[in-house]
Amino acid sequence: MTDFDVEGTFNADYLHFYLPGFTAERDEAEATEIVEALDLVSDMRVLDAPCGHGRIANLLAGRGMYVVGADLTELFLDKARRDAALRGVVVDYRQLDLREMNFDHEFDAAFSWFTSFGYNDDATDRDVLRRYHDALRPGGRFLIETQSIYRLVPLLVDGRGVSTHSERVGEDLLVDTTTLDALASRTLTERVVVRDGRVRTTQFSVRLWTAPELTSWLEGAGFRDVLITDRRGEPFTVQSPRMVVVSTA
């Protein structure tokens, strides 16, 4: 899938169903994970791309970092800016397609959090990795956090090739039905949203990698010293539900 329905996937419905799960405690904990994984300190220049509604970027700015938050969805950026103003922090928010990133060795660190990478075809996402690399100063570090293919496969086996996930807020319901293209190593998700008496549907596809494959992609983009762990910083195994990948430009 070369292009996906950005507006149909990342929109007001997304915020409606996912914001309740993004508690202040969770956001602070995840910001700390990123700080520790990337060895971030005050005054560093950090790129959060895509930044979504700014839940991490604003916290890092509050810890004294200069943060650029880039995202394609203006609705998310509007919320991020409002939250930054309420917190009294400054983040340089920019509406930007990652496929058009053109930063020139400006940052000490960059990250892609919460399965935000892998929505394009392989050639395009390899190019996006090169753009992340070019955004970093020599020695800068890059983090990708995404789901593990080993978490999804057992769910698909048990579900006869289909995995279903749902979120409910009051009478509103979001249902994701996911299959896996084993040859392409891509999920295909059909999302059905029932909200305010209306039904909306969309589809999106996400690439999944084994550890050696993503390492190869990063090295091909110019990164080195690739380290893959679970969310606790422990060795990545088949039982790890998610993977954290840190590499150096």
C-alpha atoms as a PDB file:
ATOM      1  CA  MET A   1       0.000   0.000   0.000  1.00  0.00           C
ATOM      2  CA  THR A   2       1.794   3.096  -1.262  1.00  0.00           C
ATOM      3  CA  ASP A   3      -0.600   5.637   0.205  1.00  0.00           C
ATOM      4  CA  PHE A   4      -2.980   5.277   3.101  1.00  0.00           C
ATOM      5  CA  ASP A   5      -5.982   7.248   4.242  1.00  0.00           C
ATOM      6  CA  VAL A   6      -4.286   9.613   6.697  1.00  0.00           C
ATOM      7  CA  GLU A   7      -7.404  11.673   7.363  1.00  0.00           C
ATOM      8  CA  GLY A   8      -9.523   8.544   7.767  1.00  0.00           C
ATOM      9  CA  THR A   9      -7.075   6.982  10.249  1.00  0.00           C
ATOM     10  CA  PHE A  10      -5.643   9.869  12.271  1.00  0.00           C
ATOM     11  CA  ASN A  11      -8.551  12.174  12.995  1.00  0.00           C
ATOM     12  CA  ALA A  12     -11.046  13.224  15.661  1.00  0.00           C
ATOM     13  CA  ASP A  13     -12.214   9.621  16.030  1.00  0.00           C
ATOM     14  CA  TYR A  14      -8.645   8.555  16.861  1.00  0.00           C
ATOM     15  CA  LEU A  15      -8.412  11.163  19.603  1.00  0.00           C
ATOM     16  CA  HIS A  16     -11.872  10.273  20.899  1.00  0.00           C
ATOM     17  CA  PHE A  17     -10.996   6.615  21.428  1.00  0.00           C
ATOM     18  CA  TYR A  18      -7.300   6.780  22.299  1.00  0.00           C
ATOM     19  CA  LEU A  19      -6.987   9.886  24.456  1.00  0.00           C
ATOM     20  CA  PRO A  20      -8.572   8.193  27.518  1.00  0.00           C
ATOM     21  CA  GLY A  21      -5.719   5.678  27.491  1.00  0.00           C
ATOM     22  CA  PHE A  22      -3.035   8.345  27.292  1.00  0.00           C
ATOM     23  CA  THR A  23      -3.035   9.215  30.967  1.00  0.00           C
ATOM     24  CA  ALA A  24      -0.616  11.725  32.464  1.00  0.00           C
ATOM     25  CA  GLU A  25       1.157   8.872  34.243  1.00  0.00           C
ATOM     26  CA  ARG A  26       1.544   6.882  31.041  1.00  0.00           C
ATOM     27  CA  ASP A  27       2.815   9.867  29.069  1.00  0.00           C
ATOM     28  CA  GLU A  28       5.375  10.744  31.752  1.00  0.00           C
ATOM     29  CA  ALA A  29       6.563   7.141  31.910  1.00  0.00           C
ATOM     30  CA  GLU A  30       6.957   6.922  28.144  1.00  0.00           C
ATOM     31  CA  ALA A  31       8.772  10.257  27.998  1.00  0.00           C
ATOM     32  CA  THR A  32      11.181   8.876  30.603  1.00  0.00           C
ATOM     33  CA  GLU A  33      11.702   5.730  28.508  1.00  0.00           C
ATOM     34  CA  ILE A  34      12.660   7.889  25.536  1.00  0.00           C
ATOM     35  CA  VAL A  35      14.957  10.096  27.609  1.00  0.00           C
ATOM     36  CA  GLU A  36      16.781   7.074  28.989  1.00  0.00           C
ATOM     37  CA  ALA A  37      16.997   5.187  25.692  1.00  0.00           C
ATOM     38  CA  LEU A  38      18.433   8.199  23.849  1.00  0.00           C
ATOM     39  CA  ASP A  39      20.461   9.630  26.764  1.00  0.00           C
ATOM     40  CA  LEU A  40      18.666  12.955  26.401  1.00  0.00           C
ATOM     41  CA  VAL A  41      19.655  15.936  28.527  1.00  0.00           C
ATOM     42  CA  SER A  42      18.541  19.540  28.774  1.00  0.00           C
ATOM     43  CA  ASP A  43      19.297  21.821  25.784  1.00  0.00           C
ATOM     44  CA  MET A  44      19.497  18.969  23.278  1.00  0.00           C
ATOM     45  CA  ARG A  45      17.727  19.457  19.940  1.00  0.00           C
ATOM     46  CA  VAL A  46      15.179  16.669  19.508  1.00  0.00           C
ATOM     47  CA  LEU A  47      12.940  15.735  16.563  1.00  0.00           C
ATOM     48  CA  ASP A  48       9.620  14.040  17.384  1.00  0.00           C
ATOM     49  CA  ALA A  49       8.263  12.843  14.044  1.00  0.00           C
ATOM     50  CA  PRO A  50       5.455  12.099  13.754  1.00  0.00           C
ATOM     51  CA  CYS A  51       4.547  13.868  16.967  1.00  0.00           C
ATOM     52  CA  GLY A  52       0.783  13.264  16.960  1.00  0.00           C
ATOM     53  CA  HIS A  53      -0.968  15.508  19.468  1.00  0.00           C
ATOM     54  CA  GLY A  54       2.261  16.373  21.277  1.00  0.00           C
ATOM     55  CA  ARG A  55       1.893  14.199  24.348  1.00  0.00           C
ATOM     56  CA  ILE A  56       5.640  13.399  24.383  1.00  0.00           C
ATOM     57  CA  ALA A  57       7.054  16.515  22.716  1.00  0.00           C
ATOM     58  CA  ASN A  58       5.516  18.845  25.287  1.00  0.00           C
ATOM     59  CA  LEU A  59       6.909  16.797  28.161  1.00  0.00           C
ATOM     60  CA  LEU A  60      10.417  16.805  26.681  1.00  0.00           C
ATOM     61  CA  ALA A  61      10.190  20.574  26.218  1.00  0.00           C
ATOM     62  CA  GLY A  62       9.235  20.771  29.883  1.00  0.00           C
ATOM     63  CA  ARG A  63      12.483  18.973  30.662  1.00  0.00           C
ATOM     64  CA  GLY A  64      14.502  21.690  28.985  1.00  0.00           C
ATOM     65  CA  MET A  65      14.955  20.319  25.465  1.00  0.00           C
ATOM     66  CA  TYR A  66      14.455  22.190  22.210  1.00  0.00           C
ATOM     67  CA  VAL A  67      11.863  20.080  20.402  1.00  0.00           C
ATOM     68  CA  VAL A  68      10.583  20.147  16.839  1.00  0.00           C
ATOM     69  CA  GLY A  69       7.323  18.234  16.479  1.00  0.00           C
ATOM     70  CA  ALA A  70       6.390  17.274  12.926  1.00  0.00           C
ATOM     71  CA  ASP A  71       3.101  15.734  11.877  1.00  0.00           C
ATOM     72  CA  LEU A  72       0.844  15.691   8.829  1.00  0.00           C
ATOM     73  CA  THR A  73      -2.430  16.008  10.756  1.00  0.00           C
ATOM     74  CA  GLU A  74      -3.293  19.632  11.500  1.00  0.00           C
ATOM     75  CA  LEU A  75      -5.973  18.582  14.021  1.00  0.00           C
ATOM     76  CA  PHE A  76      -3.302  16.858  16.112  1.00  0.00           C
ATOM     77  CA  LEU A  77      -0.936  19.825  15.812  1.00  0.00           C
ATOM     78  CA  ASP A  78      -3.657  22.221  16.948  1.00  0.00           C
ATOM     79  CA  LYS A  79      -4.178  20.135  20.075  1.00  0.00           C
ATOM     80  CA  ALA A  80      -0.426  19.891  20.652  1.00  0.00           C
ATOM     81  CA  ARG A  81      -0.055  23.675  20.471  1.00  0.00           C
ATOM     82  CA  ARG A  82      -2.954  24.242  22.868  1.00  0.00           C
ATOM     83  CA  ASP A  83      -1.500  21.775  25.350  1.00  0.00           C
ATOM     84  CA  ALA A  84       1.940  23.392  25.069  1.00  0.00           C
ATOM     85  CA  ALA A  85       0.409  26.790  25.842  1.00  0.00           C
ATOM     86  CA  LEU A  86      -1.392  25.386  28.891  1.00  0.00           C
ATOM     87  CA  ARG A  87       1.854  23.843  30.129  1.00  0.00           C
ATOM     88  CA  GLY A  88       3.852  26.984  29.469  1.00  0.00           C
ATOM     89  CA  VAL A  89       6.335  25.231  27.192  1.00  0.00           C
ATOM     90  CA  VAL A  90       7.543  26.009  23.686  1.00  0.00           C
ATOM     91  CA  VAL A  91       7.675  23.398  20.912  1.00  0.00           C
ATOM     92  CA  ASP A  92       8.309  24.170  17.259  1.00  0.00           C
ATOM     93  CA  TYR A  93       5.326  22.376  15.708  1.00  0.00           C
ATOM     94  CA  ARG A  94       5.311  21.963  11.938  1.00  0.00           C
ATOM     95  CA  GLN A  95       2.832  20.379   9.555  1.00  0.00           C
ATOM     96  CA  LEU A  96       5.074  18.067   7.559  1.00  0.00           C
ATOM     97  CA  ASP A  97       4.899  14.871   5.541  1.00  0.00           C
ATOM     98  CA  LEU A  98       7.740  12.581   6.660  1.00  0.00           C
ATOM     99  CA  ARG A  99       8.300  11.673   3.023  1.00  0.00           C
ATOM    100  CA  GLU A 100       9.308  15.286   2.454  1.00  0.00           C
ATOM    101  CA  MET A 101      11.508  15.815   5.527  1.00  0.00           C
ATOM    102  CA  ASN A 102      14.541  17.822   4.530  1.00  0.00           C
ATOM    103  CA  PHE A 103      16.384  18.635   7.753  1.00  0.00           C
ATOM    104  CA  ASP A 104      20.146  19.071   7.421  1.00  0.00           C
ATOM    105  CA  HIS A 105      22.009  17.556  10.393  1.00  0.00           C
ATOM    106  CA  GLU A 106      20.077  19.732  12.863  1.00  0.00           C
ATOM    107  CA  PHE A 107      19.254  17.373  15.724  1.00  0.00           C
ATOM    108  CA  ASP A 108      21.003  15.506  18.522  1.00  0.00           C
ATOM    109  CA  ALA A 109      18.242  12.874  18.594  1.00  0.00           C
ATOM    110  CA  ALA A 110      15.047  11.839  16.817  1.00  0.00           C
ATOM    111  CA  PHE A 111      12.342   9.317  17.521  1.00  0.00           C
ATOM    112  CA  SER A 112       9.293   7.605  16.043  1.00  0.00           C
ATOM    113  CA  TRP A 113       7.077   6.333  18.860  1.00  0.00           C
ATOM    114  CA  PHE A 114       3.984   4.112  19.163  1.00  0.00           C
ATOM    115  CA  THR A 115       4.062   2.296  15.796  1.00  0.00           C
ATOM    116  CA  SER A 116       4.343   5.500  13.786  1.00  0.00           C
ATOM    117  CA  PHE A 117       6.692   4.123  11.119  1.00  0.00           C
ATOM    118  CA  GLY A 118       5.911   1.604   8.372  1.00  0.00           C
ATOM    119  CA  TYR A 119       2.761   2.918   6.683  1.00  0.00           C
ATOM    120  CA  ASN A 120       4.334   3.379   3.244  1.00  0.00           C
ATOM    121  CA  ASP A 121       5.715   0.909   0.729  1.00  0.00           C
ATOM    122  CA  ASP A 122       9.201  -0.448   1.451  1.00  0.00           C
ATOM    123  CA  ALA A 123      11.068   1.829  -0.953  1.00  0.00           C
ATOM    124  CA  THR A 124       9.379   4.926   0.486  1.00  0.00           C
ATOM    125  CA  ASP A 125      10.021   3.935   4.094  1.00  0.00           C
ATOM    126  CA  ARG A 126      13.672   3.204   3.344  1.00  0.00           C
ATOM    127  CA  ASP A 127      13.877   6.739   1.983  1.00  0.00           C
ATOM    128  CA  VAL A 128      12.182   8.074   5.126  1.00  0.00           C
ATOM    129  CA  LEU A 129      14.890   6.365   7.202  1.00  0.00           C
ATOM    130  CA  ARG A 130      17.540   8.158   5.142  1.00  0.00           C
ATOM    131  CA  ARG A 131      15.735  11.414   5.856  1.00  0.00           C
ATOM    132  CA  TYR A 132      15.823  10.709   9.593  1.00  0.00           C
ATOM    133  CA  HIS A 133      19.547   9.993   9.241  1.00  0.00           C
ATOM    134  CA  ASP A 134      20.151  13.258   7.413  1.00  0.00           C
ATOM    135  CA  ALA A 135      18.252  15.158  10.113  1.00  0.00           C
ATOM    136  CA  LEU A 136      20.782  14.066  12.739  1.00  0.00           C
ATOM    137  CA  ARG A 137      24.180  15.444  13.551  1.00  0.00           C
ATOM    138  CA  PRO A 138      27.060  12.912  13.380  1.00  0.00           C
ATOM    139  CA  GLY A 139      26.687  10.735  16.456  1.00  0.00           C
ATOM    140  CA  GLY A 140      23.039  11.651  16.895  1.00  0.00           C
ATOM    141  CA  ARG A 141      20.717   8.843  17.939  1.00  0.00           C
ATOM    142  CA  PHE A 142      17.451   7.638  16.449  1.00  0.00           C
ATOM    143  CA  LEU A 143      14.743   5.554  18.140  1.00  0.00           C
ATOM    144  CA  ILE A 144      11.908   3.549  16.603  1.00  0.00           C
ATOM    145  CA  GLU A 145       9.270   1.968  18.864  1.00  0.00           C
ATOM    146  CA  THR A 146       6.866  -0.454  17.216  1.00  0.00           C
ATOM    147  CA  GLN A 147       4.948  -3.665  17.734  1.00  0.00           C
ATOM    148  CA  SER A 148       6.651  -7.024  17.423  1.00  0.00           C
ATOM    149  CA  ILE A 149       5.587  -9.398  14.686  1.00  0.00           C
ATOM    150  CA  TYR A 150       5.985 -12.191  17.244  1.00  0.00           C
ATOM    151  CA  ARG A 151       3.155 -10.702  19.304  1.00  0.00           C
ATOM    152  CA  LEU A 152       0.751 -10.606  16.379  1.00  0.00           C
ATOM    153  CA  VAL A 153       1.366 -14.010  14.810  1.00  0.00           C
ATOM    154  CA  PRO A 154       0.003 -16.091  17.739  1.00  0.00           C
ATOM    155  CA  LEU A 155      -3.125 -13.919  17.793  1.00  0.00           C
ATOM    156  CA  LEU A 156      -3.618 -14.539  14.079  1.00  0.00           C
ATOM    157  CA  VAL A 157      -3.046 -18.261  14.438  1.00  0.00           C
ATOM    158  CA  ASP A 158      -5.581 -18.487  17.255  1.00  0.00           C
ATOM    159  CA  GLY A 159      -8.029 -16.356  15.263  1.00  0.00           C
ATOM    160  CA  ARG A 160      -7.681 -18.414  12.062  1.00  0.00           C
ATOM    161  CA  GLY A 161      -5.815 -15.612  10.340  1.00  0.00           C
ATOM    162  CA  VAL A 162      -7.735 -12.697  11.853  1.00  0.00           C
ATOM    163  CA  SER A 163      -7.077 -10.581  14.946  1.00  0.00           C
ATOM    164  CA  THR A 164      -9.717  -8.226  16.361  1.00  0.00           C
ATOM    165  CA  HIS A 165      -9.220  -5.311  18.748  1.00  0.00           C
ATOM    166  CA  SER A 166     -11.827  -2.884  20.037  1.00  0.00           C
ATOM    167  CA  GLU A 167     -12.029   0.368  21.995  1.00  0.00           C
ATOM    168  CA  ARG A 168     -15.215   1.649  23.630  1.00  0.00           C
ATOM    169  CA  VAL A 169     -16.018   5.119  24.947  1.00  0.00           C
ATOM    170  CA  GLY A 170     -19.550   5.274  26.313  1.00  0.00           C
ATOM    171  CA  GLU A 171     -21.833   4.077  23.527  1.00  0.00           C
ATOM    172  CA  ASP A 172     -19.177   4.684  20.865  1.00  0.00           C
ATOM    173  CA  LEU A 173     -17.174   1.765  19.481  1.00  0.00           C
ATOM    174  CA  LEU A 174     -14.007   1.336  17.408  1.00  0.00           C
ATOM    175  CA  VAL A 175     -13.232  -2.127  16.000  1.00  0.00           C
ATOM    176  CA  ASP A 176     -10.011  -3.051  14.175  1.00  0.00           C
ATOM    177  CA  THR A 177      -9.964  -6.307  12.208  1.00  0.00           C
ATOM    178  CA  THR A 178      -6.411  -7.212  11.205  1.00  0.00           C
ATOM    179  CA  THR A 179      -4.909  -9.783   8.858  1.00  0.00           C
ATOM    180  CA  LEU A 180      -1.276 -10.327   7.863  1.00  0.00           C
ATOM    181  CA  ASP A 181       0.225 -10.601   4.391  1.00  0.00           C
ATOM    182  CA  ALA A 182       2.950 -13.105   5.255  1.00  0.00           C
ATOM    183  CA  LEU A 183       4.837 -12.590   1.985  1.00  0.00           C
ATOM    184  CA  ALA A 184       5.009  -8.807   2.383  1.00  0.00           C
ATOM    185  CA  SER A 185       5.172  -8.899   6.201  1.00  0.00           C
ATOM    186  CA  ARG A 186       2.432  -6.254   6.359  1.00  0.00           C
ATOM    187  CA  THR A 187      -0.703  -6.021   8.422  1.00  0.00           C
ATOM    188  CA  LEU A 188      -3.937  -4.933   6.771  1.00  0.00           C
ATOM    189  CA  THR A 189      -6.451  -3.442   9.181  1.00  0.00           C
ATOM    190  CA  GLU A 190     -10.054  -2.565   8.497  1.00  0.00           C
ATOM    191  CA  ARG A 191     -11.280  -0.022  11.057  1.00  0.00           C
ATOM    192  CA  VAL A 192     -14.973   0.446  11.761  1.00  0.00           C
ATOM    193  CA  VAL A 193     -16.033   3.369  13.951  1.00  0.00           C
ATOM    194  CA  VAL A 194     -19.535   3.668  15.355  1.00  0.00           C
ATOM    195  CA  ARG A 195     -19.881   7.114  16.885  1.00  0.00           C
ATOM    196  CA  ASP A 196     -22.747   9.553  17.362  1.00  0.00           C
ATOM    197  CA  GLY A 197     -25.053   7.278  15.405  1.00  0.00           C
ATOM    198  CA  ARG A 198     -22.779   7.176  12.365  1.00  0.00           C
ATOM    199  CA  VAL A 199     -20.638   4.358  10.978  1.00  0.00           C
ATOM    200  CA  ARG A 200     -17.295   5.143   9.360  1.00  0.00           C
ATOM    201  CA  THR A 201     -14.776   2.708   7.877  1.00  0.00           C
ATOM    202  CA  THR A 202     -11.186   2.986   6.730  1.00  0.00           C
ATOM    203  CA  GLN A 203      -8.204   0.740   6.027  1.00  0.00           C
ATOM    204  CA  PHE A 204      -4.505   1.006   6.721  1.00  0.00           C
ATOM    205  CA  SER A 205      -1.456  -1.218   6.363  1.00  0.00           C
ATOM    206  CA  VAL A 206       1.666  -1.333   8.538  1.00  0.00           C
ATOM    207  CA  ARG A 207       5.008  -3.023   7.896  1.00  0.00           C
ATOM    208  CA  LEU A 208       6.367  -5.436  10.514  1.00  0.00           C
ATOM    209  CA  TRP A 209      10.023  -6.435  10.747  1.00  0.00           C
ATOM    210  CA  THR A 210      12.206  -9.073  12.293  1.00  0.00           C
ATOM    211  CA  ALA A 211      15.166  -7.686  14.209  1.00  0.00           C
ATOM    212  CA  PRO A 212      17.782  -8.537  11.518  1.00  0.00           C
ATOM    213  CA  GLU A 213      15.625  -7.037   8.781  1.00  0.00           C
ATOM    214  CA  LEU A 214      15.088  -3.683  10.490  1.00  0.00           C
ATOM    215  CA  THR A 215      18.784  -3.621  11.408  1.00  0.00           C
ATOM    216  CA  SER A 216      19.622  -4.053   7.732  1.00  0.00           C
ATOM    217  CA  TRP A 217      17.253  -1.251   6.750  1.00  0.00           C
ATOM    218  CA  LEU A 218      18.809   1.128   9.268  1.00  0.00           C
ATOM    219  CA  GLU A 219      22.351   0.267   8.226  1.00  0.00           C
ATOM    220  CA  GLY A 220      21.347   0.786   4.606  1.00  0.00           C
ATOM    221  CA  ALA A 221      20.160   4.277   5.558  1.00  0.00           C
ATOM    222  CA  GLY A 222      23.560   5.070   7.093  1.00  0.00           C
ATOM    223  CA  PHE A 223      22.947   4.211  10.745  1.00  0.00           C
ATOM    224  CA  ARG A 224      25.303   2.112  12.882  1.00  0.00           C
ATOM    225  CA  ASP A 225      25.415   0.456  16.300  1.00  0.00           C
ATOM    226  CA  VAL A 226      21.824  -0.767  16.093  1.00  0.00           C
ATOM    227  CA  LEU A 227      20.502  -1.981  19.452  1.00  0.00           C
ATOM    228  CA  ILE A 228      17.120  -3.695  19.772  1.00  0.00           C
ATOM    229  CA  THR A 229      15.468  -4.245  23.155  1.00  0.00           C
ATOM    230  CA  ASP A 230      12.025  -4.594  24.646  1.00  0.00           C
ATOM    231  CA  ARG A 231      10.252  -1.688  26.328  1.00  0.00           C
ATOM    232  CA  ARG A 232      12.049  -2.345  29.619  1.00  0.00           C
ATOM    233  CA  GLY A 233      15.476  -2.187  28.013  1.00  0.00           C
ATOM    234  CA  GLU A 234      15.833  -5.954  28.336  1.00  0.00           C
ATOM    235  CA  PRO A 235      16.904  -8.239  25.447  1.00  0.00           C
ATOM    236  CA  PHE A 236      14.318  -8.510  22.677  1.00  0.00           C
ATOM    237  CA  THR A 237      12.757 -12.010  22.523  1.00  0.00           C
ATOM    238  CA  VAL A 238       9.817 -13.740  20.882  1.00  0.00           C
ATOM    239  CA  GLN A 239       7.831 -12.938  24.028  1.00  0.00           C
ATOM    240  CA  SER A 240       8.429  -9.177  23.745  1.00  0.00           C
ATOM    241  CA  PRO A 241       5.160  -7.501  22.721  1.00  0.00           C
ATOM    242  CA  ARG A 242       6.982  -4.448  21.373  1.00  0.00           C
ATOM    243  CA  MET A 243      10.459  -3.561  20.157  1.00  0.00           C
ATOM    244  CA  VAL A 244      12.621  -0.478  20.766  1.00  0.00           C
ATOM    245  CA  VAL A 245      15.321   0.107  18.168  1.00  0.00           C
ATOM    246  CA  VAL A 246      18.075   2.646  18.823  1.00  0.00           C
ATOM    247  CA  SER A 247      20.789   3.441  16.275  1.00  0.00           C
ATOM    248  CA  THR A 248      23.475   6.072  15.741  1.00  0.00           C
ATOM    249  CA  ALA A 249      23.973   8.374  12.771  1.00  0.00           C
END
